Each structure stands twice: as C-alpha cells, then as structure tokens.
C-alpha cells in the first residue's frame, strides 16, 4: 500500500557512521613519512651503489660511522611505519568483515613493529661490533 517511510532524521541515520576523528592524523602521518623517506631513500640507494663490490669489513666500517648508522635506523623506522600505514589503509578499504579487518590491522601493526625492532637492533649490533 504505502511505501515504507523512515521516520528517523538524517542526523539519526548518520549517527555512528561519521568520522572517527582519526582520518586526518593518519593522512598526515602517511604524507610526513613519505616526505621523510625521500632523502633517506636517496641516501640509501647512493650508499648501496657506493658499497658495490665492497667486502664485509668495508660494510661494517661504513655502518660503524655514526651518521650512517643513524640514517639507517631512521630509514628503517620510518619505512616500517609508512608501510604499516599504507597496508592499514588497504585493509580498511577492501576487507569487508569487521572482525577480519580489525584482526588484520592488529597483526600488521605488530609485524611491522617487530620487524622494525629486529632491523634496528641488528643495525646496532653491526654498528657497535657486538
């Protein structure tokens, strides 16, 4: 007979579906990490090219330089954080199951944090000759 009418207001229908107030922070974090990775990636590529043909000893001596060790740690930390942010966006956009999406985001965060910690500790071990 009559078309189904929804008596809820537009505000009532939108409640719970709006901004989580996290998007802008996430967007800025992605942009800032990408910006920081530009000079660090150039440094990393130039360093790899300059180390072509070098032996283990030359590499250890290169990484023992405080500037190179610091730049390597910054590169690793920022690259893993940037990767985590990017994968999180993909998961949030394309995984429809809320439980699977939440679980996947948590796993990716822990994985990136663990790999970053492992990489930084490894860099410190080589740099300090432990």
C-alpha atoms as a PDB file:
ATOM      1  CA  UNK A   1       0.000   0.000   0.000  1.00  0.00           C
ATOM      2  CA  UNK A   2       2.189   2.772   1.327  1.00  0.00           C
ATOM      3  CA  UNK A   3       5.898   2.933   0.652  1.00  0.00           C
ATOM      4  CA  UNK A   4       7.974   2.242   3.700  1.00  0.00           C
ATOM      5  CA  UNK A   5       8.903   5.538   5.242  1.00  0.00           C
ATOM      6  CA  UNK A   6      11.760   6.054   7.588  1.00  0.00           C
ATOM      7  CA  UNK A   7      10.794   8.363  10.415  1.00  0.00           C
ATOM      8  CA  UNK A   8      14.379   8.870  11.560  1.00  0.00           C
ATOM      9  CA  UNK A   9      16.024  12.188  10.825  1.00  0.00           C
ATOM     10  CA  UNK A  10      19.113  12.466   8.660  1.00  0.00           C
ATOM     11  CA  UNK A  11      21.168  13.009  11.814  1.00  0.00           C
ATOM     12  CA  UNK A  12      19.706   9.892  13.394  1.00  0.00           C
ATOM     13  CA  UNK A  13      20.575   7.800  10.335  1.00  0.00           C
ATOM     14  CA  UNK A  14      24.124   9.181  10.259  1.00  0.00           C
ATOM     15  CA  UNK A  15      24.951   8.612  13.923  1.00  0.00           C
ATOM     16  CA  UNK A  16      27.637   6.008  14.295  1.00  0.00           C
ATOM     17  CA  UNK A  17      28.578   6.259  10.628  1.00  0.00           C
ATOM     18  CA  UNK A  18      30.504   9.502  10.725  1.00  0.00           C
ATOM     19  CA  UNK A  19      34.115  10.390  11.176  1.00  0.00           C
ATOM     20  CA  UNK A  20      36.091   8.519  13.789  1.00  0.00           C
ATOM     21  CA  UNK A  21      38.297  11.635  14.093  1.00  0.00           C
ATOM     22  CA  UNK A  22      41.330   9.559  13.090  1.00  0.00           C
ATOM     23  CA  UNK A  23      41.469  10.128   9.336  1.00  0.00           C
ATOM     24  CA  UNK A  24      43.299  13.441   9.281  1.00  0.00           C
ATOM     25  CA  UNK A  25      46.021  12.231  11.643  1.00  0.00           C
ATOM     26  CA  UNK A  26      46.504   9.071   9.561  1.00  0.00           C
ATOM     27  CA  UNK A  27      46.597  11.092   6.322  1.00  0.00           C
ATOM     28  CA  UNK A  28      49.219  13.487   7.746  1.00  0.00           C
ATOM     29  CA  UNK A  29      51.304  10.599   9.102  1.00  0.00           C
ATOM     30  CA  UNK A  30      51.372   8.973   5.661  1.00  0.00           C
ATOM     31  CA  UNK A  31      52.393  12.212   3.965  1.00  0.00           C
ATOM     32  CA  UNK A  32      55.067  13.087   6.517  1.00  0.00           C
ATOM     33  CA  UNK A  33      56.611   9.614   6.470  1.00  0.00           C
ATOM     34  CA  UNK A  34      56.610   9.683   2.657  1.00  0.00           C
ATOM     35  CA  UNK A  35      58.309  13.080   2.729  1.00  0.00           C
ATOM     36  CA  UNK A  36      60.923  11.867   5.212  1.00  0.00           C
ATOM     37  CA  UNK A  37      61.581   8.771   3.105  1.00  0.00           C
ATOM     38  CA  UNK A  38      62.549  10.798   0.021  1.00  0.00           C
ATOM     39  CA  UNK A  39      66.005  11.953   1.227  1.00  0.00           C
ATOM     40  CA  UNK A  40      66.520   8.762   3.247  1.00  0.00           C
ATOM     41  CA  UNK A  41      65.831   6.567   0.211  1.00  0.00           C
ATOM     42  CA  UNK A  42      68.176   8.657  -1.931  1.00  0.00           C
ATOM     43  CA  UNK A  43      70.847   8.301   0.779  1.00  0.00           C
ATOM     44  CA  UNK A  44      70.220   4.538   0.987  1.00  0.00           C
ATOM     45  CA  UNK A  45      70.427   3.975  -2.788  1.00  0.00           C
ATOM     46  CA  UNK A  46      73.554   6.121  -3.146  1.00  0.00           C
ATOM     47  CA  UNK A  47      75.119   4.237  -0.230  1.00  0.00           C
ATOM     48  CA  UNK A  48      74.323   0.863  -1.770  1.00  0.00           C
ATOM     49  CA  UNK A  49      75.828   1.951  -5.069  1.00  0.00           C
ATOM     50  CA  UNK A  50      78.956   3.223  -3.322  1.00  0.00           C
ATOM     51  CA  UNK A  51      79.288  -0.102  -1.483  1.00  0.00           C
ATOM     52  CA  UNK A  52      79.105  -2.170  -4.660  1.00  0.00           C
ATOM     53  CA  UNK A  53      81.999  -4.603  -4.642  1.00  0.00           C
ATOM     54  CA  UNK A  54      82.889  -3.836  -1.031  1.00  0.00           C
ATOM     55  CA  UNK A  55      83.531  -6.669   1.356  1.00  0.00           C
ATOM     56  CA  UNK A  56      82.062  -7.367   4.752  1.00  0.00           C
ATOM     57  CA  UNK A  57      84.750  -5.343   6.522  1.00  0.00           C
ATOM     58  CA  UNK A  58      84.112  -2.255   4.419  1.00  0.00           C
ATOM     59  CA  UNK A  59      80.379  -2.544   5.056  1.00  0.00           C
ATOM     60  CA  UNK A  60      80.867  -2.868   8.819  1.00  0.00           C
ATOM     61  CA  UNK A  61      83.205   0.139   8.801  1.00  0.00           C
ATOM     62  CA  UNK A  62      80.650   2.106   6.787  1.00  0.00           C
ATOM     63  CA  UNK A  63      77.824   1.216   9.191  1.00  0.00           C
ATOM     64  CA  UNK A  64      80.015   1.979  12.218  1.00  0.00           C
ATOM     65  CA  UNK A  65      80.057   5.622  11.121  1.00  0.00           C
ATOM     66  CA  UNK A  66      77.532   7.366  13.434  1.00  0.00           C
ATOM     67  CA  UNK A  67      75.954   9.319  10.583  1.00  0.00           C
ATOM     68  CA  UNK A  68      75.366   6.175   8.518  1.00  0.00           C
ATOM     69  CA  UNK A  69      74.081   4.187  11.498  1.00  0.00           C
ATOM     70  CA  UNK A  70      71.685   6.986  12.474  1.00  0.00           C
ATOM     71  CA  UNK A  71      70.446   7.405   8.909  1.00  0.00           C
ATOM     72  CA  UNK A  72      69.950   3.632   8.599  1.00  0.00           C
ATOM     73  CA  UNK A  73      67.942   3.483  11.841  1.00  0.00           C
ATOM     74  CA  UNK A  74      65.807   6.434  10.738  1.00  0.00           C
ATOM     75  CA  UNK A  75      65.273   4.839   7.332  1.00  0.00           C
ATOM     76  CA  UNK A  76      64.200   1.527   8.871  1.00  0.00           C
ATOM     77  CA  UNK A  77      61.887   3.036  11.490  1.00  0.00           C
ATOM     78  CA  UNK A  78      60.170   5.414   9.087  1.00  0.00           C
ATOM     79  CA  UNK A  79      59.920   2.856   6.275  1.00  0.00           C
ATOM     80  CA  UNK A  80      58.233   0.263   8.503  1.00  0.00           C
ATOM     81  CA  UNK A  81      55.861   2.860   9.944  1.00  0.00           C
ATOM     82  CA  UNK A  82      54.994   4.109   6.447  1.00  0.00           C
ATOM     83  CA  UNK A  83      54.432   0.546   5.245  1.00  0.00           C
ATOM     84  CA  UNK A  84      52.146  -0.182   8.205  1.00  0.00           C
ATOM     85  CA  UNK A  85      50.103   2.939   7.498  1.00  0.00           C
ATOM     86  CA  UNK A  86      49.731   2.021   3.830  1.00  0.00           C
ATOM     87  CA  UNK A  87      48.722  -1.592   4.449  1.00  0.00           C
ATOM     88  CA  UNK A  88      46.244  -0.426   7.086  1.00  0.00           C
ATOM     89  CA  UNK A  89      44.521   1.829   4.552  1.00  0.00           C
ATOM     90  CA  UNK A  90      44.259  -1.027   2.058  1.00  0.00           C
ATOM     91  CA  UNK A  91      42.822  -3.356   4.702  1.00  0.00           C
ATOM     92  CA  UNK A  92      40.324  -0.759   5.901  1.00  0.00           C
ATOM     93  CA  UNK A  93      39.197  -0.039   2.337  1.00  0.00           C
ATOM     94  CA  UNK A  94      38.919  -3.573   0.966  1.00  0.00           C
ATOM     95  CA  UNK A  95      38.291  -6.045   3.805  1.00  0.00           C
ATOM     96  CA  UNK A  96      34.544  -6.096   4.429  1.00  0.00           C
ATOM     97  CA  UNK A  97      34.428  -8.291   7.535  1.00  0.00           C
ATOM     98  CA  UNK A  98      34.880  -6.079  10.600  1.00  0.00           C
ATOM     99  CA  UNK A  99      36.456  -8.858  12.679  1.00  0.00           C
ATOM    100  CA  UNK A 100      38.876  -9.879   9.922  1.00  0.00           C
ATOM    101  CA  UNK A 101      39.762  -6.248   9.188  1.00  0.00           C
ATOM    102  CA  UNK A 102      40.456  -5.460  12.844  1.00  0.00           C
ATOM    103  CA  UNK A 103      42.492  -8.634  13.318  1.00  0.00           C
ATOM    104  CA  UNK A 104      44.473  -7.969  10.143  1.00  0.00           C
ATOM    105  CA  UNK A 105      45.265  -4.382  11.141  1.00  0.00           C
ATOM    106  CA  UNK A 106      46.492  -5.561  14.557  1.00  0.00           C
ATOM    107  CA  UNK A 107      48.637  -8.313  13.014  1.00  0.00           C
ATOM    108  CA  UNK A 108      50.165  -5.867  10.518  1.00  0.00           C
ATOM    109  CA  UNK A 109      50.940  -3.349  13.281  1.00  0.00           C
ATOM    110  CA  UNK A 110      52.644  -5.982  15.433  1.00  0.00           C
ATOM    111  CA  UNK A 111      54.501  -7.438  12.435  1.00  0.00           C
ATOM    112  CA  UNK A 112      55.829  -4.051  11.313  1.00  0.00           C
ATOM    113  CA  UNK A 113      56.777  -3.090  14.861  1.00  0.00           C
ATOM    114  CA  UNK A 114      58.577  -6.412  15.382  1.00  0.00           C
ATOM    115  CA  UNK A 115      60.426  -6.238  12.072  1.00  0.00           C
ATOM    116  CA  UNK A 116      61.437  -2.632  12.717  1.00  0.00           C
ATOM    117  CA  UNK A 117      62.743  -3.519  16.185  1.00  0.00           C
ATOM    118  CA  UNK A 118      64.633  -6.531  14.825  1.00  0.00           C
ATOM    119  CA  UNK A 119      66.153  -4.463  11.999  1.00  0.00           C
ATOM    120  CA  UNK A 120      67.201  -1.622  14.299  1.00  0.00           C
ATOM    121  CA  UNK A 121      68.747  -3.973  16.863  1.00  0.00           C
ATOM    122  CA  UNK A 122      70.600  -5.769  14.046  1.00  0.00           C
ATOM    123  CA  UNK A 123      71.891  -2.426  12.773  1.00  0.00           C
ATOM    124  CA  UNK A 124      73.114  -1.513  16.248  1.00  0.00           C
ATOM    125  CA  UNK A 125      74.837  -4.879  16.676  1.00  0.00           C
ATOM    126  CA  UNK A 126      76.737  -4.462  13.400  1.00  0.00           C
ATOM    127  CA  UNK A 127      77.478  -0.780  14.060  1.00  0.00           C
ATOM    128  CA  UNK A 128      78.878  -1.405  17.547  1.00  0.00           C
ATOM    129  CA  UNK A 129      80.637  -4.602  16.556  1.00  0.00           C
ATOM    130  CA  UNK A 130      78.970  -6.724  19.212  1.00  0.00           C
END
